[in-house]
N, C-alpha and C. Protein backbone atom coordinates (compact mmCIF):
# COMPACT_ATOMS: atom_id res chain seq x y z
N MET A 1 121.65 60.32 63.10
CA MET A 1 122.65 59.61 63.91
C MET A 1 122.44 58.09 63.78
N GLU A 2 123.51 57.38 63.49
CA GLU A 2 123.43 55.94 63.33
C GLU A 2 123.16 55.26 64.67
N PRO A 3 122.32 54.22 64.70
CA PRO A 3 122.10 53.49 65.96
C PRO A 3 123.38 52.81 66.42
N SER A 4 123.55 52.69 67.75
CA SER A 4 124.77 52.10 68.31
C SER A 4 124.62 50.61 68.57
N HIS A 5 123.37 50.12 68.55
CA HIS A 5 123.17 48.72 68.88
C HIS A 5 121.84 48.21 68.32
N ARG A 6 121.70 46.91 68.41
CA ARG A 6 120.45 46.25 68.03
C ARG A 6 120.04 45.33 69.17
N THR A 7 118.76 45.35 69.54
CA THR A 7 118.26 44.48 70.60
C THR A 7 117.32 43.44 70.00
N VAL A 8 117.57 42.18 70.35
CA VAL A 8 116.82 41.06 69.79
C VAL A 8 116.06 40.35 70.91
N GLU A 9 114.75 40.18 70.74
CA GLU A 9 113.95 39.42 71.69
C GLU A 9 114.11 37.93 71.40
N LEU A 10 114.36 37.15 72.45
CA LEU A 10 114.61 35.72 72.29
C LEU A 10 113.82 34.89 73.30
N MET A 11 113.65 33.63 72.99
CA MET A 11 113.23 32.61 73.95
C MET A 11 114.29 31.52 73.86
N ILE A 12 115.15 31.43 74.88
CA ILE A 12 116.26 30.48 74.81
C ILE A 12 115.94 29.21 75.59
N PRO A 13 116.45 28.06 75.14
CA PRO A 13 116.15 26.79 75.83
C PRO A 13 116.84 26.70 77.18
N SER A 14 116.13 26.10 78.15
CA SER A 14 116.70 25.85 79.47
C SER A 14 116.06 24.58 80.01
N PRO A 15 116.60 24.02 81.10
CA PRO A 15 116.01 22.81 81.67
C PRO A 15 114.54 22.98 82.08
N ALA A 16 114.12 24.21 82.39
CA ALA A 16 112.74 24.46 82.80
C ALA A 16 111.82 24.73 81.62
N GLY A 17 112.36 24.78 80.41
CA GLY A 17 111.57 25.11 79.23
C GLY A 17 112.24 26.20 78.42
N LYS A 18 111.60 27.35 78.34
CA LYS A 18 112.15 28.48 77.60
C LYS A 18 112.32 29.68 78.53
N LEU A 19 113.39 30.45 78.29
CA LEU A 19 113.65 31.67 79.06
C LEU A 19 113.51 32.88 78.16
N GLU A 20 112.73 33.84 78.62
CA GLU A 20 112.59 35.10 77.90
C GLU A 20 113.88 35.90 78.05
N ALA A 21 114.40 36.42 76.95
CA ALA A 21 115.70 37.10 77.00
C ALA A 21 115.76 38.24 76.00
N LEU A 22 116.69 39.16 76.27
CA LEU A 22 117.00 40.25 75.36
C LEU A 22 118.50 40.23 75.08
N LEU A 23 118.84 40.11 73.81
CA LEU A 23 120.24 40.13 73.37
C LEU A 23 120.55 41.51 72.82
N THR A 24 121.55 42.17 73.39
CA THR A 24 121.96 43.49 72.93
C THR A 24 123.27 43.36 72.17
N LEU A 25 123.25 43.76 70.91
CA LEU A 25 124.41 43.61 70.03
C LEU A 25 124.95 44.97 69.61
N PRO A 26 126.25 45.23 69.86
CA PRO A 26 126.85 46.48 69.37
C PRO A 26 126.88 46.48 67.84
N LEU A 27 126.78 47.64 67.27
CA LEU A 27 126.90 47.80 65.81
C LEU A 27 128.21 48.49 65.47
N PRO A 28 128.88 48.15 64.36
CA PRO A 28 128.46 47.13 63.40
C PRO A 28 128.53 45.72 63.99
N GLU A 29 127.58 44.91 63.60
CA GLU A 29 127.44 43.57 64.15
C GLU A 29 128.53 42.64 63.61
N LEU A 30 129.03 41.75 64.48
CA LEU A 30 130.05 40.78 64.09
C LEU A 30 129.50 39.37 64.20
N LYS A 31 130.09 38.45 63.43
CA LYS A 31 129.69 37.05 63.56
C LYS A 31 130.20 36.48 64.88
N LYS A 32 131.35 36.96 65.31
CA LYS A 32 131.94 36.48 66.56
C LYS A 32 132.63 37.65 67.25
N TYR A 33 132.40 37.78 68.55
CA TYR A 33 133.03 38.84 69.33
C TYR A 33 134.13 38.21 70.20
N GLU A 34 135.07 39.03 70.62
CA GLU A 34 136.12 38.51 71.50
C GLU A 34 135.53 38.13 72.85
N ASN A 35 134.68 39.00 73.39
CA ASN A 35 134.08 38.79 74.70
C ASN A 35 132.57 38.96 74.63
N ALA A 36 131.87 38.34 75.56
CA ALA A 36 130.42 38.48 75.64
C ALA A 36 130.01 38.36 77.11
N ALA A 37 128.78 38.77 77.43
CA ALA A 37 128.37 38.83 78.83
C ALA A 37 126.95 38.31 79.05
N VAL A 38 126.74 37.78 80.25
CA VAL A 38 125.42 37.39 80.74
C VAL A 38 125.14 38.22 81.99
N ILE A 39 123.94 38.79 82.08
CA ILE A 39 123.57 39.64 83.22
C ILE A 39 122.36 39.02 83.92
N CYS A 40 122.45 38.88 85.25
CA CYS A 40 121.43 38.18 86.03
C CYS A 40 120.68 39.14 86.95
N HIS A 41 119.37 39.01 86.99
CA HIS A 41 118.54 39.99 87.70
C HIS A 41 118.30 39.66 89.18
N PRO A 42 117.76 40.63 89.94
CA PRO A 42 117.48 40.43 91.37
C PRO A 42 116.37 39.40 91.62
N HIS A 43 116.02 39.25 92.88
CA HIS A 43 115.14 38.17 93.35
C HIS A 43 113.80 38.13 92.61
N PRO A 44 113.46 36.96 92.04
CA PRO A 44 112.22 36.83 91.28
C PRO A 44 110.96 37.09 92.11
N LEU A 45 111.00 36.84 93.40
CA LEU A 45 109.80 37.01 94.24
C LEU A 45 109.63 38.43 94.74
N TYR A 46 110.59 39.30 94.47
CA TYR A 46 110.52 40.68 94.96
C TYR A 46 110.64 41.69 93.83
N GLY A 47 110.10 41.32 92.68
CA GLY A 47 110.03 42.26 91.57
C GLY A 47 111.22 42.27 90.63
N GLY A 48 112.18 41.39 90.85
CA GLY A 48 113.36 41.35 89.98
C GLY A 48 113.02 40.84 88.59
N SER A 49 113.60 41.46 87.58
CA SER A 49 113.42 41.01 86.20
C SER A 49 114.57 41.53 85.35
N MET A 50 114.60 41.11 84.10
CA MET A 50 115.66 41.56 83.19
C MET A 50 115.54 43.05 82.88
N ASN A 51 114.42 43.66 83.28
CA ASN A 51 114.25 45.10 83.07
C ASN A 51 114.52 45.93 84.32
N SER A 52 115.03 45.28 85.38
CA SER A 52 115.43 46.02 86.58
C SER A 52 116.50 47.05 86.21
N LYS A 53 116.47 48.20 86.88
CA LYS A 53 117.32 49.32 86.47
C LYS A 53 118.81 48.99 86.49
N VAL A 54 119.26 48.28 87.50
CA VAL A 54 120.69 47.95 87.59
C VAL A 54 121.09 47.02 86.44
N VAL A 55 120.21 46.09 86.08
CA VAL A 55 120.49 45.15 84.98
C VAL A 55 120.58 45.90 83.66
N VAL A 56 119.64 46.80 83.42
CA VAL A 56 119.66 47.59 82.18
C VAL A 56 120.90 48.49 82.14
N THR A 57 121.25 49.07 83.28
CA THR A 57 122.46 49.91 83.36
C THR A 57 123.70 49.10 83.01
N ALA A 58 123.78 47.87 83.52
CA ALA A 58 124.92 47.01 83.22
C ALA A 58 124.99 46.70 81.72
N SER A 59 123.84 46.45 81.11
CA SER A 59 123.81 46.16 79.68
C SER A 59 124.33 47.35 78.87
N HIS A 60 123.92 48.55 79.25
CA HIS A 60 124.38 49.76 78.55
C HIS A 60 125.88 49.97 78.74
N ALA A 61 126.39 49.68 79.95
CA ALA A 61 127.82 49.82 80.21
C ALA A 61 128.62 48.86 79.33
N LEU A 62 128.15 47.63 79.22
CA LEU A 62 128.83 46.64 78.38
C LEU A 62 128.82 47.06 76.92
N LEU A 63 127.72 47.68 76.51
CA LEU A 63 127.61 48.16 75.13
C LEU A 63 128.69 49.19 74.82
N GLU A 64 128.96 50.07 75.79
CA GLU A 64 130.00 51.08 75.61
C GLU A 64 131.37 50.44 75.38
N LEU A 65 131.54 49.23 75.91
CA LEU A 65 132.81 48.50 75.75
C LEU A 65 132.81 47.61 74.50
N GLY A 66 131.71 47.64 73.76
CA GLY A 66 131.62 46.82 72.56
C GLY A 66 131.30 45.37 72.82
N LEU A 67 130.74 45.08 74.01
CA LEU A 67 130.42 43.69 74.36
C LEU A 67 128.94 43.40 74.15
N PRO A 68 128.63 42.33 73.43
CA PRO A 68 127.24 41.88 73.38
C PRO A 68 126.84 41.31 74.74
N SER A 69 125.59 41.51 75.13
CA SER A 69 125.15 41.00 76.43
C SER A 69 123.77 40.38 76.32
N LEU A 70 123.54 39.40 77.17
CA LEU A 70 122.25 38.74 77.26
C LEU A 70 121.70 38.94 78.67
N ARG A 71 120.55 39.59 78.76
CA ARG A 71 119.82 39.64 80.03
C ARG A 71 118.54 38.85 79.84
N PHE A 72 118.14 38.15 80.87
CA PHE A 72 117.03 37.20 80.71
C PHE A 72 116.21 37.16 81.99
N ASN A 73 115.00 36.65 81.87
CA ASN A 73 114.15 36.43 83.03
C ASN A 73 114.34 35.01 83.55
N PHE A 74 114.63 34.90 84.85
CA PHE A 74 114.71 33.58 85.47
C PHE A 74 113.37 32.85 85.31
N ARG A 75 113.42 31.54 85.48
CA ARG A 75 112.21 30.72 85.41
C ARG A 75 111.08 31.32 86.26
N GLY A 76 109.88 31.36 85.68
CA GLY A 76 108.72 31.87 86.40
C GLY A 76 108.55 33.37 86.35
N VAL A 77 109.48 34.08 85.74
CA VAL A 77 109.39 35.54 85.63
C VAL A 77 109.02 35.91 84.19
N GLY A 78 108.10 36.86 84.03
CA GLY A 78 107.69 37.27 82.68
C GLY A 78 107.18 36.09 81.88
N ARG A 79 107.73 35.90 80.69
CA ARG A 79 107.29 34.81 79.82
C ARG A 79 108.15 33.56 79.95
N SER A 80 109.06 33.55 80.93
CA SER A 80 109.92 32.38 81.13
C SER A 80 109.13 31.23 81.76
N SER A 81 109.42 30.02 81.30
CA SER A 81 108.75 28.81 81.82
C SER A 81 109.20 28.52 83.24
N GLY A 82 108.44 27.64 83.91
CA GLY A 82 108.85 27.14 85.21
C GLY A 82 108.41 28.01 86.36
N LYS A 83 108.98 27.73 87.53
CA LYS A 83 108.66 28.50 88.73
C LYS A 83 109.92 28.67 89.58
N TYR A 84 109.85 29.62 90.50
CA TYR A 84 110.98 29.94 91.38
C TYR A 84 111.52 28.67 92.04
N ASP A 85 112.85 28.54 92.10
CA ASP A 85 113.47 27.31 92.60
C ASP A 85 114.58 27.58 93.61
N ARG A 86 114.45 28.65 94.39
CA ARG A 86 115.33 28.93 95.53
C ARG A 86 116.82 29.04 95.16
N GLY A 87 117.09 29.39 93.91
CA GLY A 87 118.47 29.57 93.49
C GLY A 87 119.09 28.35 92.84
N VAL A 88 118.45 27.18 92.99
CA VAL A 88 119.01 25.96 92.41
C VAL A 88 118.75 25.92 90.91
N GLY A 89 117.48 25.96 90.53
CA GLY A 89 117.14 25.98 89.12
C GLY A 89 117.62 27.23 88.41
N GLU A 90 117.70 28.32 89.17
CA GLU A 90 118.15 29.58 88.57
C GLU A 90 119.61 29.50 88.12
N VAL A 91 120.43 28.73 88.83
CA VAL A 91 121.81 28.50 88.38
C VAL A 91 121.80 27.74 87.05
N GLU A 92 120.86 26.81 86.90
CA GLU A 92 120.72 26.11 85.62
C GLU A 92 120.31 27.08 84.51
N ASP A 93 119.44 28.04 84.86
CA ASP A 93 119.04 29.05 83.88
C ASP A 93 120.25 29.85 83.39
N ILE A 94 121.13 30.19 84.32
CA ILE A 94 122.32 30.96 83.96
C ILE A 94 123.22 30.13 83.05
N ARG A 95 123.34 28.85 83.34
CA ARG A 95 124.13 27.98 82.46
C ARG A 95 123.54 27.96 81.05
N ALA A 96 122.22 27.96 80.97
CA ALA A 96 121.56 28.00 79.66
C ALA A 96 121.89 29.29 78.93
N ALA A 97 121.93 30.39 79.67
CA ALA A 97 122.30 31.69 79.07
C ALA A 97 123.76 31.68 78.62
N ILE A 98 124.63 31.08 79.43
CA ILE A 98 126.04 30.97 79.06
C ILE A 98 126.18 30.11 77.79
N ASN A 99 125.42 29.03 77.73
CA ASN A 99 125.44 28.17 76.54
C ASN A 99 125.13 28.99 75.29
N TYR A 100 124.12 29.84 75.40
CA TYR A 100 123.73 30.65 74.25
C TYR A 100 124.83 31.63 73.87
N MET A 101 125.42 32.28 74.87
CA MET A 101 126.41 33.33 74.59
C MET A 101 127.77 32.77 74.21
N THR A 102 128.01 31.48 74.45
CA THR A 102 129.28 30.88 74.05
C THR A 102 129.46 30.95 72.54
N GLY A 103 128.38 30.93 71.81
CA GLY A 103 128.48 31.08 70.37
C GLY A 103 128.69 32.52 69.92
N MET A 104 128.64 33.43 70.88
CA MET A 104 128.72 34.86 70.58
C MET A 104 130.11 35.44 70.86
N GLY A 105 130.82 34.87 71.87
CA GLY A 105 132.13 35.40 72.25
C GLY A 105 133.07 34.32 72.73
N GLU A 106 134.37 34.59 72.62
CA GLU A 106 135.39 33.62 73.04
C GLU A 106 135.45 33.51 74.56
N LYS A 107 135.30 34.66 75.25
CA LYS A 107 135.35 34.69 76.71
C LYS A 107 134.03 35.26 77.23
N ILE A 108 133.56 34.68 78.33
CA ILE A 108 132.27 35.08 78.89
C ILE A 108 132.46 35.73 80.26
N LEU A 109 131.74 36.80 80.46
CA LEU A 109 131.66 37.50 81.75
C LEU A 109 130.26 37.29 82.29
N VAL A 110 130.14 37.01 83.59
CA VAL A 110 128.82 36.92 84.22
C VAL A 110 128.73 37.96 85.32
N ALA A 111 127.70 38.80 85.24
CA ALA A 111 127.46 39.83 86.25
C ALA A 111 126.04 39.68 86.76
N GLY A 112 125.81 40.07 88.01
CA GLY A 112 124.46 39.99 88.55
C GLY A 112 124.25 40.97 89.68
N HIS A 113 122.98 41.28 89.93
CA HIS A 113 122.60 42.19 91.00
C HIS A 113 121.82 41.43 92.06
N SER A 114 122.25 41.54 93.32
CA SER A 114 121.57 40.96 94.47
C SER A 114 121.43 39.44 94.30
N PHE A 115 120.22 38.90 94.28
CA PHE A 115 120.01 37.47 94.03
C PHE A 115 120.77 37.02 92.78
N GLY A 116 120.79 37.87 91.77
CA GLY A 116 121.51 37.57 90.53
C GLY A 116 123.01 37.55 90.71
N ALA A 117 123.52 38.29 91.71
CA ALA A 117 124.95 38.25 92.01
C ALA A 117 125.32 36.91 92.62
N TRP A 118 124.50 36.45 93.56
CA TRP A 118 124.74 35.15 94.20
C TRP A 118 124.70 34.01 93.18
N THR A 119 123.60 33.92 92.43
CA THR A 119 123.45 32.82 91.48
C THR A 119 124.41 32.96 90.31
N GLY A 120 124.64 34.19 89.87
CA GLY A 120 125.56 34.42 88.75
C GLY A 120 126.99 34.05 89.09
N MET A 121 127.44 34.45 90.28
CA MET A 121 128.80 34.11 90.68
C MET A 121 128.94 32.60 90.89
N LYS A 122 127.88 31.99 91.41
CA LYS A 122 127.91 30.55 91.64
C LYS A 122 128.03 29.79 90.32
N ALA A 123 127.20 30.16 89.35
CA ALA A 123 127.27 29.51 88.04
C ALA A 123 128.59 29.82 87.34
N GLY A 124 129.03 31.06 87.41
CA GLY A 124 130.23 31.50 86.71
C GLY A 124 131.50 30.88 87.25
N CYS A 125 131.59 30.74 88.57
CA CYS A 125 132.80 30.17 89.17
C CYS A 125 132.98 28.70 88.78
N ARG A 126 131.88 28.03 88.48
CA ARG A 126 131.94 26.59 88.18
C ARG A 126 132.06 26.30 86.69
N ASP A 127 132.04 27.31 85.87
CA ASP A 127 132.00 27.12 84.41
C ASP A 127 133.30 27.60 83.78
N VAL A 128 134.01 26.70 83.11
CA VAL A 128 135.32 27.04 82.55
C VAL A 128 135.22 28.10 81.45
N ARG A 129 134.05 28.26 80.87
CA ARG A 129 133.87 29.25 79.80
C ARG A 129 133.82 30.67 80.34
N VAL A 130 133.54 30.79 81.62
CA VAL A 130 133.42 32.11 82.26
C VAL A 130 134.76 32.52 82.82
N LYS A 131 135.22 33.71 82.47
CA LYS A 131 136.55 34.17 82.87
C LYS A 131 136.54 35.18 84.01
N ILE A 132 135.37 35.78 84.29
CA ILE A 132 135.28 36.81 85.31
C ILE A 132 133.85 36.86 85.84
N VAL A 133 133.71 37.07 87.17
CA VAL A 133 132.38 37.18 87.77
C VAL A 133 132.28 38.51 88.53
N ILE A 134 131.12 39.14 88.42
CA ILE A 134 130.90 40.45 89.05
C ILE A 134 129.62 40.40 89.88
N GLY A 135 129.74 40.77 91.15
CA GLY A 135 128.59 40.84 92.04
C GLY A 135 128.28 42.28 92.40
N ILE A 136 127.06 42.71 92.11
CA ILE A 136 126.60 44.06 92.45
C ILE A 136 125.58 43.93 93.57
N GLY A 137 125.85 44.55 94.71
CA GLY A 137 124.95 44.39 95.85
C GLY A 137 124.81 42.92 96.24
N THR A 138 125.93 42.24 96.37
CA THR A 138 125.96 40.80 96.63
C THR A 138 125.34 40.47 97.99
N PRO A 139 124.35 39.55 98.05
CA PRO A 139 123.59 39.31 99.28
C PRO A 139 124.28 38.37 100.26
N VAL A 140 125.40 38.80 100.80
CA VAL A 140 126.22 37.92 101.63
C VAL A 140 125.54 37.52 102.93
N ASN A 141 124.57 38.31 103.40
CA ASN A 141 123.90 37.96 104.65
C ASN A 141 122.62 37.16 104.42
N PHE A 142 122.31 36.86 103.16
CA PHE A 142 121.14 36.05 102.84
C PHE A 142 121.50 34.75 102.13
N ALA A 143 122.69 34.66 101.58
CA ALA A 143 123.07 33.51 100.75
C ALA A 143 124.43 32.97 101.18
N ASP A 144 124.62 31.68 100.96
CA ASP A 144 125.90 31.02 101.26
C ASP A 144 126.88 31.32 100.12
N MET A 145 127.91 32.09 100.44
CA MET A 145 128.89 32.49 99.42
C MET A 145 130.21 31.73 99.57
N LYS A 146 130.21 30.62 100.31
CA LYS A 146 131.46 29.90 100.57
C LYS A 146 132.13 29.39 99.30
N PHE A 147 131.34 29.16 98.26
CA PHE A 147 131.91 28.67 96.99
C PHE A 147 132.97 29.61 96.44
N LEU A 148 132.91 30.88 96.82
CA LEU A 148 133.89 31.85 96.33
C LEU A 148 135.29 31.58 96.88
N MET A 149 135.37 30.86 97.99
CA MET A 149 136.68 30.55 98.59
C MET A 149 137.54 29.72 97.64
N ASP A 150 136.89 28.95 96.78
CA ASP A 150 137.62 28.07 95.86
C ASP A 150 137.57 28.57 94.42
N CYS A 151 137.14 29.80 94.23
CA CYS A 151 137.00 30.33 92.87
C CYS A 151 138.30 31.03 92.45
N PRO A 152 139.00 30.51 91.44
CA PRO A 152 140.29 31.09 91.04
C PRO A 152 140.16 32.29 90.10
N LYS A 153 138.94 32.60 89.69
CA LYS A 153 138.73 33.67 88.71
C LYS A 153 138.68 35.03 89.39
N PRO A 154 138.86 36.11 88.64
CA PRO A 154 138.66 37.44 89.22
C PRO A 154 137.25 37.58 89.77
N LYS A 155 137.18 37.96 91.05
CA LYS A 155 135.91 38.12 91.75
C LYS A 155 135.75 39.60 92.07
N LEU A 156 134.86 40.25 91.37
CA LEU A 156 134.74 41.70 91.47
C LEU A 156 133.41 42.07 92.11
N PHE A 157 133.48 43.03 93.03
CA PHE A 157 132.29 43.43 93.77
C PHE A 157 132.08 44.93 93.68
N ILE A 158 130.82 45.32 93.51
CA ILE A 158 130.43 46.73 93.59
C ILE A 158 129.34 46.81 94.64
N HIS A 159 129.51 47.71 95.61
CA HIS A 159 128.56 47.76 96.72
C HIS A 159 128.35 49.20 97.17
N GLY A 160 127.11 49.51 97.51
CA GLY A 160 126.80 50.84 98.02
C GLY A 160 127.09 50.94 99.51
N THR A 161 127.67 52.06 99.92
CA THR A 161 128.00 52.22 101.34
C THR A 161 126.75 52.37 102.21
N LEU A 162 125.62 52.70 101.59
CA LEU A 162 124.36 52.84 102.34
C LEU A 162 123.36 51.74 101.96
N ASP A 163 123.87 50.60 101.52
CA ASP A 163 122.99 49.47 101.18
C ASP A 163 122.20 49.08 102.43
N GLU A 164 120.88 49.19 102.34
CA GLU A 164 120.02 48.95 103.50
C GLU A 164 119.71 47.47 103.71
N LEU A 165 119.96 46.63 102.71
CA LEU A 165 119.71 45.20 102.82
C LEU A 165 120.97 44.42 103.18
N ILE A 166 122.07 44.79 102.59
CA ILE A 166 123.35 44.13 102.85
C ILE A 166 124.35 45.18 103.32
N PRO A 167 124.51 45.33 104.63
CA PRO A 167 125.43 46.35 105.16
C PRO A 167 126.83 46.19 104.58
N ILE A 168 127.47 47.31 104.31
CA ILE A 168 128.80 47.31 103.69
C ILE A 168 129.80 46.47 104.49
N GLY A 169 129.63 46.45 105.82
CA GLY A 169 130.54 45.67 106.66
C GLY A 169 130.48 44.18 106.37
N LYS A 170 129.32 43.69 105.96
CA LYS A 170 129.16 42.27 105.66
C LYS A 170 129.94 41.86 104.41
N ILE A 171 129.88 42.70 103.40
CA ILE A 171 130.62 42.39 102.17
C ILE A 171 132.12 42.56 102.40
N GLU A 172 132.51 43.52 103.23
CA GLU A 172 133.93 43.70 103.55
C GLU A 172 134.48 42.49 104.29
N GLU A 173 133.66 41.92 105.17
CA GLU A 173 134.07 40.74 105.93
C GLU A 173 134.30 39.55 105.00
N LEU A 174 133.37 39.32 104.09
CA LEU A 174 133.55 38.24 103.12
C LEU A 174 134.78 38.50 102.25
N TYR A 175 134.88 39.71 101.75
CA TYR A 175 135.96 40.06 100.82
C TYR A 175 137.33 39.81 101.45
N SER A 176 137.47 40.11 102.72
CA SER A 176 138.77 39.96 103.40
C SER A 176 139.22 38.50 103.44
N GLU A 177 138.28 37.58 103.33
CA GLU A 177 138.61 36.15 103.43
C GLU A 177 138.85 35.50 102.07
N LEU A 178 138.53 36.19 100.99
CA LEU A 178 138.60 35.58 99.66
C LEU A 178 140.02 35.61 99.10
N PRO A 179 140.37 34.58 98.32
CA PRO A 179 141.68 34.57 97.66
C PRO A 179 141.71 35.54 96.48
N GLU A 180 142.90 35.95 96.10
CA GLU A 180 143.07 36.73 94.87
C GLU A 180 142.80 35.83 93.66
N PRO A 181 142.50 36.40 92.49
CA PRO A 181 142.31 37.83 92.22
C PRO A 181 140.92 38.31 92.65
N LYS A 182 140.88 39.53 93.16
CA LYS A 182 139.62 40.09 93.65
C LYS A 182 139.73 41.61 93.70
N LYS A 183 138.59 42.26 93.70
CA LYS A 183 138.56 43.71 93.88
C LYS A 183 137.17 44.12 94.33
N ILE A 184 137.11 45.10 95.19
CA ILE A 184 135.83 45.66 95.62
C ILE A 184 135.86 47.17 95.40
N VAL A 185 134.77 47.69 94.87
CA VAL A 185 134.61 49.14 94.71
C VAL A 185 133.36 49.54 95.47
N LYS A 186 133.50 50.50 96.36
CA LYS A 186 132.37 50.98 97.16
C LYS A 186 131.88 52.30 96.58
N ILE A 187 130.59 52.37 96.32
CA ILE A 187 130.00 53.59 95.79
C ILE A 187 129.37 54.36 96.95
N GLU A 188 129.93 55.51 97.22
CA GLU A 188 129.51 56.30 98.38
C GLU A 188 128.04 56.70 98.28
N ASN A 189 127.35 56.52 99.41
CA ASN A 189 125.95 56.95 99.58
C ASN A 189 124.97 56.25 98.64
N ALA A 190 125.37 55.11 98.10
CA ALA A 190 124.46 54.34 97.24
C ALA A 190 123.70 53.31 98.07
N ASP A 191 122.39 53.18 97.80
CA ASP A 191 121.59 52.16 98.46
C ASP A 191 121.61 50.87 97.65
N HIS A 192 120.74 49.92 98.01
CA HIS A 192 120.79 48.61 97.35
C HIS A 192 120.41 48.68 95.88
N LEU A 193 119.56 49.63 95.53
CA LEU A 193 119.13 49.78 94.14
C LEU A 193 119.94 50.84 93.38
N PHE A 194 120.93 51.41 94.05
CA PHE A 194 121.79 52.44 93.45
C PHE A 194 120.96 53.63 92.95
N THR A 195 119.98 53.99 93.76
CA THR A 195 119.10 55.11 93.44
C THR A 195 119.91 56.40 93.30
N GLY A 196 119.78 57.05 92.15
CA GLY A 196 120.54 58.28 91.90
C GLY A 196 122.02 58.05 91.65
N LYS A 197 122.44 56.79 91.60
CA LYS A 197 123.86 56.46 91.45
C LYS A 197 124.12 55.54 90.25
N LEU A 198 123.16 55.44 89.36
CA LEU A 198 123.31 54.50 88.24
C LEU A 198 124.42 54.91 87.28
N ASP A 199 124.61 56.21 87.09
CA ASP A 199 125.70 56.66 86.22
C ASP A 199 127.05 56.28 86.81
N GLU A 200 127.17 56.44 88.12
CA GLU A 200 128.42 56.07 88.80
C GLU A 200 128.62 54.55 88.75
N LEU A 201 127.54 53.81 88.88
CA LEU A 201 127.61 52.35 88.76
C LEU A 201 128.11 51.97 87.37
N SER A 202 127.58 52.60 86.34
CA SER A 202 128.00 52.32 84.97
C SER A 202 129.49 52.60 84.78
N GLU A 203 129.95 53.75 85.26
CA GLU A 203 131.36 54.11 85.14
C GLU A 203 132.25 53.10 85.86
N THR A 204 131.79 52.65 87.03
CA THR A 204 132.56 51.68 87.81
C THR A 204 132.66 50.35 87.08
N LEU A 205 131.55 49.90 86.52
CA LEU A 205 131.56 48.66 85.75
C LEU A 205 132.52 48.73 84.57
N ILE A 206 132.46 49.82 83.84
CA ILE A 206 133.33 50.00 82.68
C ILE A 206 134.80 49.94 83.10
N SER A 207 135.12 50.62 84.18
CA SER A 207 136.50 50.66 84.68
C SER A 207 136.98 49.27 85.10
N LEU A 208 136.14 48.54 85.85
CA LEU A 208 136.52 47.20 86.31
C LEU A 208 136.71 46.23 85.15
N ILE A 209 135.80 46.28 84.20
CA ILE A 209 135.89 45.35 83.07
C ILE A 209 137.12 45.65 82.22
N LYS A 210 137.43 46.92 82.03
CA LYS A 210 138.65 47.28 81.30
C LYS A 210 139.89 46.75 82.01
N GLU A 211 139.87 46.77 83.33
CA GLU A 211 141.04 46.34 84.11
C GLU A 211 141.22 44.82 84.11
N TYR A 212 140.11 44.09 84.15
CA TYR A 212 140.20 42.64 84.38
C TYR A 212 139.81 41.76 83.20
N PHE A 213 139.20 42.32 82.16
CA PHE A 213 138.66 41.47 81.10
C PHE A 213 139.36 41.77 79.79
């Protein structure tokens, strides 16, 4: 059976130094893809990394759609330079990842889980190269999400109805105030890590991206 993809280990430049990253390329490989994606991991101080299960699941889902994706470790995680910067420097890290992927695709998608949803949506909404932002388990009760009020891009949310860190009611409250275009998909009985629900998460991501990207 022919392999479906190739994974490349990278160290990409960022304001903090170098970021450890994994680039996943669908095969057959192209010099330029129509679309490409950046995936952002959960909180660096609580075990989040580019190998977190939700991040890896998102990468595999994008692969099914033929999209190359870059997942990376924020500053201070793994072999990445620097140290945790409360979401400020991490937004710069995401911009560095977008810079790298701009050479890979005409349109960029940014997706993130938890802390990565907050920082990813923040970086993506402010960057003209990014056409769509996706928040998975978005930490609305821990982070200031007001920037989304002025974001004209499709704002897509996936949330578990049993999320123990961010109650579903909190994300519904934010969502009701946001301008279009937007969409929220609730995964029944899923917790914050989507335990036992990763296949459903993958299917949901594929469906949303097909609809909006």
